[in-house]
């Protein structure tokens, strides 16, 4: 049986483990380049409770993948993802990132999720979805990352 990719050749989907081992302002899970995409959606799911779990989720953008000129694009506000399996989601468009970039005089191109945990023992899993790829190709989202 031949298989062709429909969704995975046009969208990049990643699951990322997040264990910041700290409390406070939160940390960015990872930055991803939005150059060839027109939408970003991200979410977090509480996976381990050491305290009260996830307390805030933000979509942030930066000039590069090291976080230069970090700018908040969307903010969940205070949340209480205080049970294993609790989830929160946010989305934005590349146009919203471009507008924030122009307003601030930056060159924002990289996007990520900044997740804040209440306790250093809290852990979570993040999902990154970049969609509207300018070019489609096989394994833009690989079927597996198992080595």
N, C-alpha and C. Protein backbone atom coordinates (compact mmCIF):
# COMPACT_ATOMS: atom_id res chain seq x y z
N UNK A 1 0.83 -1.17 0.00
CA UNK A 1 0.00 0.00 0.00
C UNK A 1 0.89 1.25 0.00
N UNK A 2 0.72 2.10 -0.97
CA UNK A 2 1.49 3.33 -1.06
C UNK A 2 0.93 4.36 -0.08
N UNK A 3 1.84 5.09 0.51
CA UNK A 3 1.43 6.12 1.45
C UNK A 3 1.99 7.45 1.02
N UNK A 4 1.18 8.47 1.04
CA UNK A 4 1.65 9.81 0.76
C UNK A 4 1.29 10.70 1.93
N UNK A 5 2.15 11.64 2.19
CA UNK A 5 1.89 12.57 3.29
C UNK A 5 1.00 13.70 2.80
N UNK A 6 0.02 14.02 3.57
CA UNK A 6 -0.85 15.17 3.28
C UNK A 6 -0.57 16.27 4.29
N UNK A 7 -0.83 16.03 5.55
CA UNK A 7 -0.64 17.01 6.62
C UNK A 7 0.85 17.21 6.93
N UNK A 8 1.59 16.12 7.08
CA UNK A 8 2.98 16.20 7.53
C UNK A 8 3.93 16.79 6.50
N UNK A 9 3.55 16.86 5.24
CA UNK A 9 4.42 17.48 4.24
C UNK A 9 4.20 18.99 4.15
N UNK A 10 3.18 19.48 4.84
CA UNK A 10 2.87 20.91 4.78
C UNK A 10 2.91 21.61 6.14
N UNK A 11 3.12 20.83 7.19
CA UNK A 11 3.14 21.36 8.55
C UNK A 11 4.27 20.73 9.34
N UNK A 12 4.84 21.51 10.22
CA UNK A 12 5.89 21.01 11.11
C UNK A 12 5.29 20.85 12.51
N UNK A 13 5.29 19.63 13.02
CA UNK A 13 4.74 19.35 14.34
C UNK A 13 5.84 18.71 15.19
N UNK A 14 6.04 19.27 16.39
CA UNK A 14 7.06 18.74 17.30
C UNK A 14 6.49 18.64 18.71
N UNK A 15 6.87 17.59 19.40
CA UNK A 15 6.61 17.45 20.84
C UNK A 15 7.93 17.64 21.56
N UNK A 16 7.93 18.48 22.59
CA UNK A 16 9.16 18.81 23.30
C UNK A 16 8.93 18.69 24.80
N UNK A 17 9.84 18.03 25.49
CA UNK A 17 9.76 17.91 26.94
C UNK A 17 10.30 19.19 27.56
N UNK A 18 9.64 19.67 28.60
CA UNK A 18 10.07 20.92 29.24
C UNK A 18 10.20 20.72 30.74
N UNK A 19 11.43 20.82 31.24
CA UNK A 19 11.73 20.68 32.66
C UNK A 19 12.67 21.81 33.03
N UNK A 20 12.09 22.96 33.39
CA UNK A 20 12.93 24.15 33.58
C UNK A 20 13.69 24.16 34.89
N UNK A 21 13.31 23.31 35.86
CA UNK A 21 14.00 23.24 37.15
C UNK A 21 14.12 24.60 37.83
N UNK A 22 13.12 25.44 37.62
CA UNK A 22 13.14 26.77 38.23
C UNK A 22 11.72 27.30 38.31
N UNK A 23 11.55 28.37 39.04
CA UNK A 23 10.28 29.07 39.09
C UNK A 23 10.56 30.53 38.74
N UNK A 24 9.55 31.28 38.47
CA UNK A 24 9.75 32.69 38.18
C UNK A 24 9.18 33.08 36.84
N UNK A 25 10.00 33.70 36.01
CA UNK A 25 9.52 34.28 34.75
C UNK A 25 9.31 33.26 33.64
N UNK A 26 9.67 32.02 33.85
CA UNK A 26 9.49 31.01 32.81
C UNK A 26 10.68 30.94 31.88
N UNK A 27 10.73 29.88 31.12
CA UNK A 27 11.81 29.69 30.15
C UNK A 27 11.21 29.29 28.81
N UNK A 28 11.94 29.62 27.75
CA UNK A 28 11.52 29.26 26.40
C UNK A 28 11.96 27.83 26.12
N UNK A 29 11.03 27.02 25.67
CA UNK A 29 11.33 25.61 25.39
C UNK A 29 12.36 25.50 24.27
N UNK A 30 12.10 26.16 23.15
CA UNK A 30 13.00 26.16 21.99
C UNK A 30 12.50 27.23 21.03
N UNK A 31 13.38 27.69 20.17
CA UNK A 31 12.99 28.65 19.14
C UNK A 31 12.96 27.92 17.80
N UNK A 32 11.97 28.28 16.96
CA UNK A 32 11.86 27.72 15.62
C UNK A 32 11.69 28.85 14.61
N UNK A 33 12.31 28.68 13.46
CA UNK A 33 12.30 29.68 12.39
C UNK A 33 10.92 29.72 11.71
N UNK A 34 10.35 30.91 11.61
CA UNK A 34 9.04 31.07 10.97
C UNK A 34 9.15 31.58 9.52
N UNK A 35 10.36 31.66 8.99
CA UNK A 35 10.56 32.24 7.66
C UNK A 35 9.62 31.67 6.61
N UNK A 36 9.44 30.37 6.58
CA UNK A 36 8.65 29.73 5.52
C UNK A 36 7.28 29.26 5.98
N UNK A 37 6.75 29.82 7.06
CA UNK A 37 5.45 29.42 7.59
C UNK A 37 4.58 30.65 7.84
N UNK A 38 3.25 30.46 7.80
CA UNK A 38 2.40 31.62 8.06
C UNK A 38 1.56 31.53 9.33
N UNK A 39 1.65 30.41 10.06
CA UNK A 39 0.93 30.28 11.33
C UNK A 39 1.75 29.47 12.33
N UNK A 40 1.54 29.78 13.61
CA UNK A 40 2.16 29.02 14.69
C UNK A 40 1.11 28.74 15.75
N UNK A 41 1.07 27.52 16.22
CA UNK A 41 0.22 27.14 17.35
C UNK A 41 1.09 26.36 18.31
N UNK A 42 0.87 26.58 19.57
CA UNK A 42 1.64 25.87 20.57
C UNK A 42 0.79 25.56 21.77
N UNK A 43 1.17 24.53 22.45
CA UNK A 43 0.43 24.15 23.64
C UNK A 43 1.34 23.50 24.65
N UNK A 44 0.82 23.40 25.86
CA UNK A 44 1.55 22.78 26.95
C UNK A 44 0.60 21.85 27.71
N UNK A 45 1.15 20.75 28.18
CA UNK A 45 0.41 19.82 29.02
C UNK A 45 1.25 19.52 30.24
N UNK A 46 0.67 19.69 31.41
CA UNK A 46 1.36 19.34 32.65
C UNK A 46 1.59 17.83 32.67
N UNK A 47 2.85 17.43 32.91
CA UNK A 47 3.17 15.99 32.90
C UNK A 47 3.66 15.48 34.25
N UNK A 48 4.27 16.33 35.06
CA UNK A 48 4.75 15.95 36.40
C UNK A 48 4.46 17.12 37.34
N UNK A 49 3.88 16.80 38.48
CA UNK A 49 3.60 17.84 39.47
C UNK A 49 4.58 17.77 40.62
N UNK A 50 5.27 18.88 40.85
CA UNK A 50 6.09 19.03 42.05
C UNK A 50 5.45 20.08 42.93
N UNK A 51 4.58 20.88 42.28
CA UNK A 51 3.85 21.94 42.96
C UNK A 51 2.50 22.08 42.29
N UNK A 52 2.23 23.27 41.75
CA UNK A 52 0.93 23.55 41.14
C UNK A 52 0.95 23.57 39.62
N UNK A 53 2.00 23.05 39.00
CA UNK A 53 2.03 22.92 37.55
C UNK A 53 2.29 24.20 36.79
N UNK A 54 1.76 24.25 35.57
CA UNK A 54 1.96 25.38 34.67
C UNK A 54 1.09 26.55 35.12
N UNK A 55 1.70 27.74 35.23
CA UNK A 55 0.95 28.92 35.65
C UNK A 55 0.84 29.98 34.56
N UNK A 56 1.61 29.83 33.47
CA UNK A 56 1.51 30.80 32.37
C UNK A 56 2.12 30.20 31.11
N UNK A 57 1.51 30.56 29.98
CA UNK A 57 1.98 30.14 28.66
C UNK A 57 2.03 31.39 27.78
N UNK A 58 3.15 31.58 27.09
CA UNK A 58 3.29 32.73 26.19
C UNK A 58 3.89 32.28 24.87
N UNK A 59 3.43 32.88 23.78
CA UNK A 59 4.13 32.77 22.51
C UNK A 59 5.06 33.97 22.46
N UNK A 60 6.34 33.70 22.25
CA UNK A 60 7.33 34.75 22.17
C UNK A 60 8.05 34.67 20.82
N UNK A 61 8.57 35.80 20.38
CA UNK A 61 9.35 35.84 19.14
C UNK A 61 10.66 36.55 19.42
N UNK A 62 11.67 36.24 18.61
CA UNK A 62 12.99 36.82 18.78
C UNK A 62 13.65 36.98 17.42
N UNK A 63 14.72 37.77 17.40
CA UNK A 63 15.46 37.99 16.15
C UNK A 63 16.24 36.75 15.71
N UNK A 64 16.61 35.90 16.67
CA UNK A 64 17.42 34.73 16.37
C UNK A 64 17.05 33.61 17.34
N UNK A 65 17.70 32.46 17.19
CA UNK A 65 17.35 31.32 18.04
C UNK A 65 18.03 31.35 19.41
N UNK A 66 18.65 32.48 19.75
CA UNK A 66 19.19 32.62 21.11
C UNK A 66 18.34 33.57 21.95
N UNK A 67 17.27 34.13 21.35
CA UNK A 67 16.35 34.95 22.11
C UNK A 67 16.61 36.45 22.09
N UNK A 68 17.40 36.92 21.14
CA UNK A 68 17.68 38.35 21.06
C UNK A 68 16.39 39.13 20.80
N UNK A 69 16.18 40.19 21.57
CA UNK A 69 14.99 41.05 21.47
C UNK A 69 13.69 40.28 21.69
N UNK A 70 13.70 39.40 22.67
CA UNK A 70 12.52 38.60 23.00
C UNK A 70 11.30 39.51 23.17
N UNK A 71 10.22 39.14 22.48
CA UNK A 71 8.99 39.93 22.49
C UNK A 71 7.80 38.99 22.68
N UNK A 72 6.91 39.33 23.59
CA UNK A 72 5.70 38.53 23.81
C UNK A 72 4.69 38.85 22.71
N UNK A 73 4.22 37.80 22.03
CA UNK A 73 3.23 37.94 20.98
C UNK A 73 1.83 37.64 21.52
N UNK A 74 1.69 36.57 22.29
CA UNK A 74 0.42 36.19 22.93
C UNK A 74 0.72 35.71 24.35
N UNK A 75 -0.23 35.92 25.24
CA UNK A 75 -0.05 35.59 26.66
C UNK A 75 -1.35 34.99 27.19
N UNK A 76 -1.25 33.84 27.81
CA UNK A 76 -2.43 33.19 28.38
C UNK A 76 -2.95 33.92 29.61
N UNK A 77 -2.11 34.74 30.21
CA UNK A 77 -2.44 35.27 31.53
C UNK A 77 -2.20 34.16 32.55
N UNK A 78 -2.60 34.38 33.76
CA UNK A 78 -2.40 33.38 34.81
C UNK A 78 -3.34 32.21 34.58
N UNK A 79 -2.78 31.01 34.58
CA UNK A 79 -3.58 29.79 34.45
C UNK A 79 -3.22 28.85 35.60
N UNK A 80 -4.04 27.84 35.79
CA UNK A 80 -3.80 26.86 36.85
C UNK A 80 -3.89 25.46 36.25
N UNK A 81 -2.85 25.07 35.51
CA UNK A 81 -2.78 23.72 34.94
C UNK A 81 -2.20 22.83 36.03
N UNK A 82 -3.01 22.57 37.06
CA UNK A 82 -2.53 21.96 38.30
C UNK A 82 -2.86 20.48 38.45
N UNK A 83 -3.18 19.84 37.34
CA UNK A 83 -3.39 18.39 37.34
C UNK A 83 -2.66 17.80 36.14
N UNK A 84 -2.08 16.64 36.31
CA UNK A 84 -1.43 15.98 35.19
C UNK A 84 -2.45 15.81 34.07
N UNK A 85 -2.08 16.26 32.88
CA UNK A 85 -2.98 16.19 31.74
C UNK A 85 -3.66 17.51 31.42
N UNK A 86 -3.64 18.48 32.34
CA UNK A 86 -4.19 19.80 32.04
C UNK A 86 -3.42 20.42 30.88
N UNK A 87 -4.15 21.10 29.99
CA UNK A 87 -3.54 21.67 28.79
C UNK A 87 -3.93 23.12 28.59
N UNK A 88 -3.07 23.86 27.90
CA UNK A 88 -3.36 25.22 27.47
C UNK A 88 -2.77 25.39 26.07
N UNK A 89 -3.46 26.14 25.22
CA UNK A 89 -3.04 26.34 23.83
C UNK A 89 -3.10 27.82 23.47
N UNK A 90 -2.21 28.23 22.58
CA UNK A 90 -2.21 29.58 22.00
C UNK A 90 -1.85 29.47 20.53
N UNK A 91 -2.24 30.46 19.74
CA UNK A 91 -1.86 30.50 18.34
C UNK A 91 -1.64 31.93 17.89
N UNK A 92 -0.87 32.08 16.81
CA UNK A 92 -0.67 33.40 16.21
C UNK A 92 -0.35 33.22 14.74
N UNK A 93 -0.36 34.32 14.02
CA UNK A 93 0.00 34.31 12.61
C UNK A 93 1.37 34.96 12.44
N UNK A 94 1.99 34.67 11.32
CA UNK A 94 3.26 35.33 10.99
C UNK A 94 3.04 36.83 10.86
N UNK A 95 1.86 37.23 10.43
CA UNK A 95 1.54 38.65 10.32
C UNK A 95 1.57 39.33 11.69
N UNK A 96 1.07 38.67 12.72
CA UNK A 96 1.12 39.25 14.07
C UNK A 96 2.57 39.42 14.53
N UNK A 97 3.41 38.45 14.20
CA UNK A 97 4.83 38.55 14.55
C UNK A 97 5.47 39.69 13.78
N UNK A 98 5.17 39.81 12.48
CA UNK A 98 5.71 40.90 11.67
C UNK A 98 5.29 42.28 12.23
N UNK A 99 4.03 42.38 12.64
CA UNK A 99 3.55 43.65 13.17
C UNK A 99 4.28 44.02 14.47
N UNK A 100 4.44 43.04 15.36
CA UNK A 100 5.18 43.29 16.60
C UNK A 100 6.62 43.67 16.30
N UNK A 101 7.19 43.04 15.29
CA UNK A 101 8.56 43.33 14.88
C UNK A 101 8.69 44.76 14.38
N UNK A 102 7.77 45.17 13.52
CA UNK A 102 7.79 46.54 12.99
C UNK A 102 7.57 47.56 14.11
N UNK A 103 6.62 47.28 14.99
CA UNK A 103 6.32 48.21 16.09
C UNK A 103 7.53 48.44 16.99
N UNK A 104 8.31 47.38 17.20
CA UNK A 104 9.46 47.48 18.11
C UNK A 104 10.77 47.82 17.39
N UNK A 105 10.76 47.78 16.06
CA UNK A 105 11.99 48.04 15.31
C UNK A 105 12.96 46.87 15.35
N UNK A 106 12.42 45.67 15.50
CA UNK A 106 13.24 44.46 15.54
C UNK A 106 13.10 43.69 14.24
N UNK A 107 13.80 42.55 14.16
CA UNK A 107 13.67 41.65 13.01
C UNK A 107 13.22 40.28 13.50
N UNK A 108 12.11 40.24 14.22
CA UNK A 108 11.61 39.00 14.82
C UNK A 108 11.29 37.97 13.74
N UNK A 109 11.86 36.79 13.88
CA UNK A 109 11.63 35.72 12.91
C UNK A 109 11.49 34.36 13.59
N UNK A 110 12.01 34.22 14.78
CA UNK A 110 12.00 32.94 15.49
C UNK A 110 10.91 32.97 16.56
N UNK A 111 10.20 31.87 16.70
CA UNK A 111 9.07 31.80 17.62
C UNK A 111 9.26 30.65 18.59
N UNK A 112 8.67 30.78 19.75
CA UNK A 112 8.75 29.71 20.75
C UNK A 112 7.68 29.90 21.81
N UNK A 113 7.60 28.92 22.69
CA UNK A 113 6.71 29.00 23.84
C UNK A 113 7.54 29.26 25.09
N UNK A 114 7.12 30.23 25.87
CA UNK A 114 7.71 30.43 27.19
C UNK A 114 6.70 29.90 28.19
N UNK A 115 7.16 28.92 28.97
CA UNK A 115 6.30 28.24 29.93
C UNK A 115 6.79 28.55 31.33
N UNK A 116 5.85 28.91 32.19
CA UNK A 116 6.18 29.16 33.59
C UNK A 116 5.56 28.07 34.45
N UNK A 117 6.40 27.45 35.27
CA UNK A 117 5.94 26.46 36.25
C UNK A 117 5.91 27.09 37.63
N UNK A 118 5.01 26.64 38.47
CA UNK A 118 4.91 27.16 39.82
C UNK A 118 6.05 26.67 40.71
N UNK A 119 6.55 25.46 40.44
CA UNK A 119 7.53 24.81 41.31
C UNK A 119 8.64 24.21 40.45
N UNK A 120 9.84 24.18 40.96
CA UNK A 120 10.98 23.62 40.22
C UNK A 120 10.79 22.15 39.90
N UNK A 121 9.93 21.45 40.63
CA UNK A 121 9.68 20.04 40.37
C UNK A 121 8.60 19.79 39.33
N UNK A 122 7.95 20.84 38.85
CA UNK A 122 6.92 20.69 37.81
C UNK A 122 7.57 20.44 36.46
N UNK A 123 6.93 19.62 35.65
CA UNK A 123 7.40 19.36 34.29
C UNK A 123 6.20 19.38 33.34
N UNK A 124 6.50 19.59 32.06
CA UNK A 124 5.43 19.64 31.07
C UNK A 124 5.93 19.18 29.71
N UNK A 125 4.99 18.98 28.81
CA UNK A 125 5.28 18.63 27.43
C UNK A 125 4.68 19.73 26.56
N UNK A 126 5.45 20.21 25.62
CA UNK A 126 4.99 21.26 24.71
C UNK A 126 4.81 20.70 23.31
N UNK A 127 3.87 21.26 22.59
CA UNK A 127 3.70 20.95 21.18
C UNK A 127 3.88 22.23 20.40
N UNK A 128 4.67 22.16 19.33
CA UNK A 128 4.88 23.27 18.40
C UNK A 128 4.30 22.86 17.07
N UNK A 129 3.45 23.69 16.50
CA UNK A 129 2.89 23.43 15.17
C UNK A 129 3.09 24.67 14.32
N UNK A 130 3.92 24.53 13.30
CA UNK A 130 4.08 25.60 12.31
C UNK A 130 3.34 25.15 11.05
N UNK A 131 2.45 25.99 10.55
CA UNK A 131 1.65 25.58 9.40
C UNK A 131 1.69 26.63 8.30
N UNK A 132 1.10 26.26 7.17
CA UNK A 132 1.11 27.14 6.02
C UNK A 132 2.49 27.23 5.40
N UNK A 133 3.17 26.10 5.31
CA UNK A 133 4.53 26.08 4.75
C UNK A 133 4.55 26.62 3.33
N UNK A 134 5.54 27.43 3.05
CA UNK A 134 5.71 27.98 1.70
C UNK A 134 5.98 26.85 0.71
N UNK A 135 6.75 25.85 1.13
CA UNK A 135 7.07 24.70 0.28
C UNK A 135 6.69 23.43 1.02
N UNK A 136 6.12 22.48 0.32
CA UNK A 136 5.84 21.20 0.97
C UNK A 136 6.87 20.18 0.52
N UNK A 137 7.24 19.32 1.44
CA UNK A 137 8.15 18.24 1.11
C UNK A 137 7.97 17.11 2.12
N UNK A 138 8.30 15.91 1.69
CA UNK A 138 8.15 14.73 2.54
C UNK A 138 8.96 14.89 3.81
N UNK A 139 8.37 14.50 4.91
CA UNK A 139 9.02 14.47 6.23
C UNK A 139 9.33 15.86 6.78
N UNK A 140 8.57 16.88 6.37
CA UNK A 140 8.67 18.15 7.07
C UNK A 140 8.39 17.88 8.55
N UNK A 141 7.41 17.03 8.80
CA UNK A 141 7.23 16.42 10.13
C UNK A 141 7.59 14.94 9.94
N UNK A 142 8.70 14.48 10.52
CA UNK A 142 9.06 13.07 10.34
C UNK A 142 8.06 12.14 11.03
N UNK A 143 7.89 10.96 10.48
CA UNK A 143 6.99 9.97 11.08
C UNK A 143 7.49 9.52 12.44
N UNK A 144 8.80 9.57 12.64
CA UNK A 144 9.39 9.20 13.93
C UNK A 144 10.73 9.89 14.11
N UNK A 145 11.11 10.09 15.35
CA UNK A 145 12.44 10.62 15.64
C UNK A 145 13.25 9.58 16.43
N UNK A 146 12.73 8.38 16.46
CA UNK A 146 13.39 7.29 17.20
C UNK A 146 14.65 6.87 16.46
N UNK A 147 15.77 6.91 17.15
CA UNK A 147 17.05 6.57 16.52
C UNK A 147 17.25 5.07 16.47
